[in-house]
Amino acid sequence: MSLILTPTQFAKQSNVRVANLDIKKSLEKYEENGKNFLALGSFKADKSSIKLHLKGELTTDGISSTDFNRVPSYSMGIRLDSEEDLEAFETFNNILATVLADCGDGWELSNIVKDDKLYIKLKVVDKKRFATLSNIKLDPKKLGDSGLYRGQKVSVFGELGVYCNFADKKAGVTFNLRKLAFEQECDE
């Protein structure tokens, strides 16, 4: 069973580490055959899987869509309510940087936080629906129908992960979105 914590609470746990990832072994395999250029892992505290609970407001007008190699990519920006939670992501970046330091120089570490906003990707299943639970109907084909707006309060649940791209020596912290709960206006 996993715990649900805020980023601040997670960062303060004992023995926060990158798990399920052996970067050196993955890098050796990549250098051997040129395949499997991407390695993924997760963050754990001791042996526990941790789910994060983020609270904030949308900084984008709903869900943004951009094309990457002719494939749509969906994301949304969130300004977290807690400055401490935002700072906790720097702790996670530092943990990843420590792991990468053992794998040689030249790694570029991307940051999931840009301009004090957290950007979260939404994955799509079957090109028809998002792979996340939500209290508002979200359709990748009809993003404007969601009624989401900049400044809307949202609670976000998911897990922290990491990626290492050996081809271009880039790495970063990821957020695997599981559930969204948007504040809805009451009709009175």
C-alpha atoms as a PDB file:
ATOM      1  CA  MET A   1       0.000   0.000   0.000  1.00  0.00           C
ATOM      2  CA  SER A   2       1.308   3.421  -0.824  1.00  0.00           C
ATOM      3  CA  LEU A   3       1.155   6.628   1.150  1.00  0.00           C
ATOM      4  CA  ILE A   4      -0.418   9.850  -0.134  1.00  0.00           C
ATOM      5  CA  LEU A   5       1.742  12.852   0.734  1.00  0.00           C
ATOM      6  CA  THR A   6       2.322  16.416  -0.372  1.00  0.00           C
ATOM      7  CA  PRO A   7       5.647  17.041  -2.139  1.00  0.00           C
ATOM      8  CA  THR A   8       6.948  18.723   1.039  1.00  0.00           C
ATOM      9  CA  GLN A   9       6.033  15.720   3.193  1.00  0.00           C
ATOM     10  CA  PHE A  10       7.611  13.332   0.659  1.00  0.00           C
ATOM     11  CA  ALA A  11      10.855  15.315   0.437  1.00  0.00           C
ATOM     12  CA  LYS A  12      11.176  15.136   4.251  1.00  0.00           C
ATOM     13  CA  GLN A  13      10.819  11.334   4.360  1.00  0.00           C
ATOM     14  CA  SER A  14      13.860   9.302   5.290  1.00  0.00           C
ATOM     15  CA  ASN A  15      15.828   7.694   2.496  1.00  0.00           C
ATOM     16  CA  VAL A  16      14.088   9.286  -0.516  1.00  0.00           C
ATOM     17  CA  ARG A  17      15.742   7.698  -3.533  1.00  0.00           C
ATOM     18  CA  VAL A  18      15.435   6.863  -7.216  1.00  0.00           C
ATOM     19  CA  ALA A  19      14.188   3.261  -7.470  1.00  0.00           C
ATOM     20  CA  ASN A  20      13.556   0.677 -10.174  1.00  0.00           C
ATOM     21  CA  LEU A  21      16.370   2.092 -12.275  1.00  0.00           C
ATOM     22  CA  ASP A  22      19.965   0.998 -12.729  1.00  0.00           C
ATOM     23  CA  ILE A  23      21.329   3.832 -14.855  1.00  0.00           C
ATOM     24  CA  LYS A  24      24.826   2.373 -15.220  1.00  0.00           C
ATOM     25  CA  LYS A  25      23.491  -0.994 -16.420  1.00  0.00           C
ATOM     26  CA  SER A  26      21.014   0.671 -18.792  1.00  0.00           C
ATOM     27  CA  LEU A  27      23.743   2.946 -20.151  1.00  0.00           C
ATOM     28  CA  GLU A  28      26.030  -0.039 -20.783  1.00  0.00           C
ATOM     29  CA  LYS A  29      23.260  -1.802 -22.727  1.00  0.00           C
ATOM     30  CA  TYR A  30      22.623   1.333 -24.761  1.00  0.00           C
ATOM     31  CA  GLU A  31      26.333   1.701 -25.585  1.00  0.00           C
ATOM     32  CA  GLU A  32      26.471  -1.990 -26.578  1.00  0.00           C
ATOM     33  CA  ASN A  33      23.604  -2.080 -29.047  1.00  0.00           C
ATOM     34  CA  GLY A  34      22.312   1.500 -29.478  1.00  0.00           C
ATOM     35  CA  LYS A  35      18.819   0.379 -28.505  1.00  0.00           C
ATOM     36  CA  ASN A  36      16.792   1.149 -25.411  1.00  0.00           C
ATOM     37  CA  PHE A  37      17.920   4.753 -25.272  1.00  0.00           C
ATOM     38  CA  LEU A  38      15.324   5.614 -22.618  1.00  0.00           C
ATOM     39  CA  ALA A  39      15.335   4.387 -19.018  1.00  0.00           C
ATOM     40  CA  LEU A  40      12.533   5.074 -16.539  1.00  0.00           C
ATOM     41  CA  GLY A  41      12.405   4.867 -12.781  1.00  0.00           C
ATOM     42  CA  SER A  42      10.460   6.126  -9.787  1.00  0.00           C
ATOM     43  CA  PHE A  43      10.985   7.771  -6.431  1.00  0.00           C
ATOM     44  CA  LYS A  44      10.501   5.857  -3.197  1.00  0.00           C
ATOM     45  CA  ALA A  45      10.998   6.512   0.482  1.00  0.00           C
ATOM     46  CA  ASP A  46      12.556   3.440   2.060  1.00  0.00           C
ATOM     47  CA  LYS A  47      10.499   0.638   0.452  1.00  0.00           C
ATOM     48  CA  SER A  48       7.239   2.560   0.199  1.00  0.00           C
ATOM     49  CA  SER A  49       5.686   3.787  -3.020  1.00  0.00           C
ATOM     50  CA  ILE A  50       4.469   7.333  -2.534  1.00  0.00           C
ATOM     51  CA  LYS A  51       1.545   8.991  -4.263  1.00  0.00           C
ATOM     52  CA  LEU A  52       1.639  12.771  -4.367  1.00  0.00           C
ATOM     53  CA  HIS A  53      -1.256  15.108  -3.724  1.00  0.00           C
ATOM     54  CA  LEU A  54      -0.832  18.543  -5.279  1.00  0.00           C
ATOM     55  CA  LYS A  55      -3.163  21.489  -4.756  1.00  0.00           C
ATOM     56  CA  GLY A  56      -3.132  24.586  -6.897  1.00  0.00           C
ATOM     57  CA  GLU A  57      -4.744  26.465  -9.729  1.00  0.00           C
ATOM     58  CA  LEU A  58      -4.597  26.138 -13.490  1.00  0.00           C
ATOM     59  CA  THR A  59      -2.210  28.534 -15.215  1.00  0.00           C
ATOM     60  CA  THR A  60      -3.322  27.416 -18.659  1.00  0.00           C
ATOM     61  CA  ASP A  61      -6.717  27.838 -20.272  1.00  0.00           C
ATOM     62  CA  GLY A  62      -7.714  24.237 -19.696  1.00  0.00           C
ATOM     63  CA  ILE A  63      -5.617  21.537 -21.302  1.00  0.00           C
ATOM     64  CA  SER A  64      -3.081  22.610 -23.928  1.00  0.00           C
ATOM     65  CA  SER A  65      -2.409  20.557 -27.026  1.00  0.00           C
ATOM     66  CA  THR A  66       0.707  20.646 -29.199  1.00  0.00           C
ATOM     67  CA  ASP A  67       1.894  18.335 -31.951  1.00  0.00           C
ATOM     68  CA  PHE A  68       5.203  16.542 -31.496  1.00  0.00           C
ATOM     69  CA  ASN A  69       6.237  14.554 -34.581  1.00  0.00           C
ATOM     70  CA  ARG A  70       2.600  14.708 -35.766  1.00  0.00           C
ATOM     71  CA  VAL A  71       1.400  13.160 -32.507  1.00  0.00           C
ATOM     72  CA  PRO A  72      -0.680  15.349 -30.176  1.00  0.00           C
ATOM     73  CA  SER A  73       0.763  15.976 -26.728  1.00  0.00           C
ATOM     74  CA  TYR A  74      -1.464  17.260 -23.918  1.00  0.00           C
ATOM     75  CA  SER A  75      -0.462  19.165 -20.803  1.00  0.00           C
ATOM     76  CA  MET A  76      -1.624  21.672 -18.232  1.00  0.00           C
ATOM     77  CA  GLY A  77       0.175  24.136 -16.015  1.00  0.00           C
ATOM     78  CA  ILE A  78      -0.457  24.395 -12.294  1.00  0.00           C
ATOM     79  CA  ARG A  79       0.663  27.008  -9.799  1.00  0.00           C
ATOM     80  CA  LEU A  80       0.926  25.179  -6.495  1.00  0.00           C
ATOM     81  CA  ASP A  81      -0.731  26.689  -3.416  1.00  0.00           C
ATOM     82  CA  SER A  82       2.312  25.918  -1.265  1.00  0.00           C
ATOM     83  CA  GLU A  83       5.695  27.516  -1.944  1.00  0.00           C
ATOM     84  CA  GLU A  84       7.251  24.690   0.111  1.00  0.00           C
ATOM     85  CA  ASP A  85       5.719  22.101  -2.237  1.00  0.00           C
ATOM     86  CA  LEU A  86       7.230  23.931  -5.196  1.00  0.00           C
ATOM     87  CA  GLU A  87      10.640  23.963  -3.493  1.00  0.00           C
ATOM     88  CA  ALA A  88      10.359  20.218  -2.774  1.00  0.00           C
ATOM     89  CA  PHE A  89      10.691  19.551  -6.517  1.00  0.00           C
ATOM     90  CA  GLU A  90      14.196  21.036  -6.312  1.00  0.00           C
ATOM     91  CA  THR A  91      14.990  18.334  -3.724  1.00  0.00           C
ATOM     92  CA  PHE A  92      13.852  15.635  -6.164  1.00  0.00           C
ATOM     93  CA  ASN A  93      15.961  17.197  -8.946  1.00  0.00           C
ATOM     94  CA  ASN A  94      18.984  17.189  -6.614  1.00  0.00           C
ATOM     95  CA  ILE A  95      18.463  13.494  -5.807  1.00  0.00           C
ATOM     96  CA  LEU A  96      18.385  12.686  -9.524  1.00  0.00           C
ATOM     97  CA  ALA A  97      21.471  14.867 -10.145  1.00  0.00           C
ATOM     98  CA  THR A  98      23.355  12.879  -7.485  1.00  0.00           C
ATOM     99  CA  VAL A  99      22.464   9.611  -9.222  1.00  0.00           C
ATOM    100  CA  LEU A 100      23.542  11.020 -12.607  1.00  0.00           C
ATOM    101  CA  ALA A 101      26.856  12.248 -11.186  1.00  0.00           C
ATOM    102  CA  ASP A 102      27.934   8.601 -10.933  1.00  0.00           C
ATOM    103  CA  CYS A 103      27.317   8.167 -14.694  1.00  0.00           C
ATOM    104  CA  GLY A 104      29.763  10.687 -16.092  1.00  0.00           C
ATOM    105  CA  ASP A 105      29.638  14.318 -17.132  1.00  0.00           C
ATOM    106  CA  GLY A 106      27.541  16.105 -19.715  1.00  0.00           C
ATOM    107  CA  TRP A 107      24.050  15.304 -18.430  1.00  0.00           C
ATOM    108  CA  GLU A 108      21.419  17.982 -18.958  1.00  0.00           C
ATOM    109  CA  LEU A 109      18.800  17.967 -16.222  1.00  0.00           C
ATOM    110  CA  SER A 110      15.412  19.320 -17.275  1.00  0.00           C
ATOM    111  CA  ASN A 111      13.128  20.776 -14.646  1.00  0.00           C
ATOM    112  CA  ILE A 112       9.431  19.922 -14.390  1.00  0.00           C
ATOM    113  CA  VAL A 113       8.939  23.353 -12.751  1.00  0.00           C
ATOM    114  CA  LYS A 114       9.249  26.332 -15.084  1.00  0.00           C
ATOM    115  CA  ASP A 115       8.579  29.922 -13.978  1.00  0.00           C
ATOM    116  CA  ASP A 116       7.138  28.684 -10.649  1.00  0.00           C
ATOM    117  CA  LYS A 117       4.607  26.514 -12.493  1.00  0.00           C
ATOM    118  CA  LEU A 118       4.447  22.746 -12.623  1.00  0.00           C
ATOM    119  CA  TYR A 119       3.673  21.338 -16.068  1.00  0.00           C
ATOM    120  CA  ILE A 120       1.913  17.988 -16.119  1.00  0.00           C
ATOM    121  CA  LYS A 121       1.447  15.811 -19.198  1.00  0.00           C
ATOM    122  CA  LEU A 122      -1.814  13.950 -19.774  1.00  0.00           C
ATOM    123  CA  LYS A 123      -1.446  10.587 -21.469  1.00  0.00           C
ATOM    124  CA  VAL A 124      -4.027   9.383 -23.977  1.00  0.00           C
ATOM    125  CA  VAL A 125      -5.459   5.870 -24.297  1.00  0.00           C
ATOM    126  CA  ASP A 126      -6.654   4.711 -27.737  1.00  0.00           C
ATOM    127  CA  LYS A 127      -6.478   8.349 -28.991  1.00  0.00           C
ATOM    128  CA  LYS A 128      -9.975   8.701 -27.499  1.00  0.00           C
ATOM    129  CA  ARG A 129      -9.621   9.340 -23.771  1.00  0.00           C
ATOM    130  CA  PHE A 130      -7.168  10.495 -21.170  1.00  0.00           C
ATOM    131  CA  ALA A 131      -5.572   7.871 -18.935  1.00  0.00           C
ATOM    132  CA  THR A 132      -6.659   9.668 -15.779  1.00  0.00           C
ATOM    133  CA  LEU A 133      -9.708   9.834 -13.571  1.00  0.00           C
ATOM    134  CA  SER A 134     -11.434  13.213 -13.353  1.00  0.00           C
ATOM    135  CA  ASN A 135     -14.570  14.705 -11.879  1.00  0.00           C
ATOM    136  CA  ILE A 136     -15.046  16.637 -15.149  1.00  0.00           C
ATOM    137  CA  LYS A 137     -15.479  14.963 -18.519  1.00  0.00           C
ATOM    138  CA  LEU A 138     -12.247  15.393 -20.441  1.00  0.00           C
ATOM    139  CA  ASP A 139     -12.097  14.475 -24.124  1.00  0.00           C
ATOM    140  CA  PRO A 140      -8.881  14.891 -26.147  1.00  0.00           C
ATOM    141  CA  LYS A 141     -10.957  15.600 -29.274  1.00  0.00           C
ATOM    142  CA  LYS A 142     -13.118  18.251 -27.551  1.00  0.00           C
ATOM    143  CA  LEU A 143     -10.799  20.134 -25.186  1.00  0.00           C
ATOM    144  CA  GLY A 144     -12.940  23.281 -25.301  1.00  0.00           C
ATOM    145  CA  ASP A 145     -16.006  21.420 -23.982  1.00  0.00           C
ATOM    146  CA  SER A 146     -14.397  20.772 -20.582  1.00  0.00           C
ATOM    147  CA  GLY A 147     -15.192  24.238 -19.229  1.00  0.00           C
ATOM    148  CA  LEU A 148     -11.782  24.488 -17.563  1.00  0.00           C
ATOM    149  CA  TYR A 149     -10.375  27.976 -17.076  1.00  0.00           C
ATOM    150  CA  ARG A 150      -7.214  29.748 -15.932  1.00  0.00           C
ATOM    151  CA  GLY A 151      -7.261  30.201 -12.143  1.00  0.00           C
ATOM    152  CA  GLN A 152      -9.541  27.210 -11.507  1.00  0.00           C
ATOM    153  CA  LYS A 153      -8.613  25.291  -8.351  1.00  0.00           C
ATOM    154  CA  VAL A 154      -7.510  21.691  -8.854  1.00  0.00           C
ATOM    155  CA  SER A 155      -6.293  18.756  -6.774  1.00  0.00           C
ATOM    156  CA  VAL A 156      -3.911  16.433  -8.573  1.00  0.00           C
ATOM    157  CA  PHE A 157      -2.874  12.904  -7.591  1.00  0.00           C
ATOM    158  CA  GLY A 158      -0.027  10.881  -9.104  1.00  0.00           C
ATOM    159  CA  GLU A 159       3.493   9.493  -8.685  1.00  0.00           C
ATOM    160  CA  LEU A 160       6.914  10.982  -9.254  1.00  0.00           C
ATOM    161  CA  GLY A 161       9.159   9.301 -11.758  1.00  0.00           C
ATOM    162  CA  VAL A 162      12.428   9.913 -13.576  1.00  0.00           C
ATOM    163  CA  TYR A 163      13.601   9.497 -17.139  1.00  0.00           C
ATOM    164  CA  CYS A 164      17.074   9.230 -18.619  1.00  0.00           C
ATOM    165  CA  ASN A 165      17.528   9.667 -22.352  1.00  0.00           C
ATOM    166  CA  PHE A 166      20.945   8.217 -23.213  1.00  0.00           C
ATOM    167  CA  ALA A 167      20.916   9.391 -26.844  1.00  0.00           C
ATOM    168  CA  ASP A 168      21.025  13.070 -25.909  1.00  0.00           C
ATOM    169  CA  LYS A 169      22.103  12.740 -22.238  1.00  0.00           C
ATOM    170  CA  LYS A 170      18.982  14.429 -20.896  1.00  0.00           C
ATOM    171  CA  ALA A 171      17.187  13.448 -17.705  1.00  0.00           C
ATOM    172  CA  GLY A 172      14.456  14.801 -15.504  1.00  0.00           C
ATOM    173  CA  VAL A 173      11.732  14.288 -12.962  1.00  0.00           C
ATOM    174  CA  THR A 174       8.311  13.311 -14.299  1.00  0.00           C
ATOM    175  CA  PHE A 175       4.838  13.306 -12.802  1.00  0.00           C
ATOM    176  CA  ASN A 176       2.625  10.339 -13.675  1.00  0.00           C
ATOM    177  CA  LEU A 177      -0.897  11.697 -13.418  1.00  0.00           C
ATOM    178  CA  ARG A 178      -3.580   9.421 -11.964  1.00  0.00           C
ATOM    179  CA  LYS A 179      -6.483  11.621 -10.863  1.00  0.00           C
ATOM    180  CA  LEU A 180      -7.746  15.196 -11.229  1.00  0.00           C
ATOM    181  CA  ALA A 181     -10.393  16.871  -9.058  1.00  0.00           C
ATOM    182  CA  PHE A 182     -11.437  20.312 -10.295  1.00  0.00           C
ATOM    183  CA  GLU A 183     -13.322  22.807  -8.158  1.00  0.00           C
ATOM    184  CA  GLN A 184     -16.670  23.442  -9.775  1.00  0.00           C
ATOM    185  CA  GLU A 185     -18.777  26.544  -9.468  1.00  0.00           C
ATOM    186  CA  CYS A 186     -22.024  26.092  -7.533  1.00  0.00           C
ATOM    187  CA  ASP A 187     -25.275  27.148  -9.151  1.00  0.00           C
ATOM    188  CA  GLU A 188     -27.293  28.961  -6.511  1.00  0.00           C
END
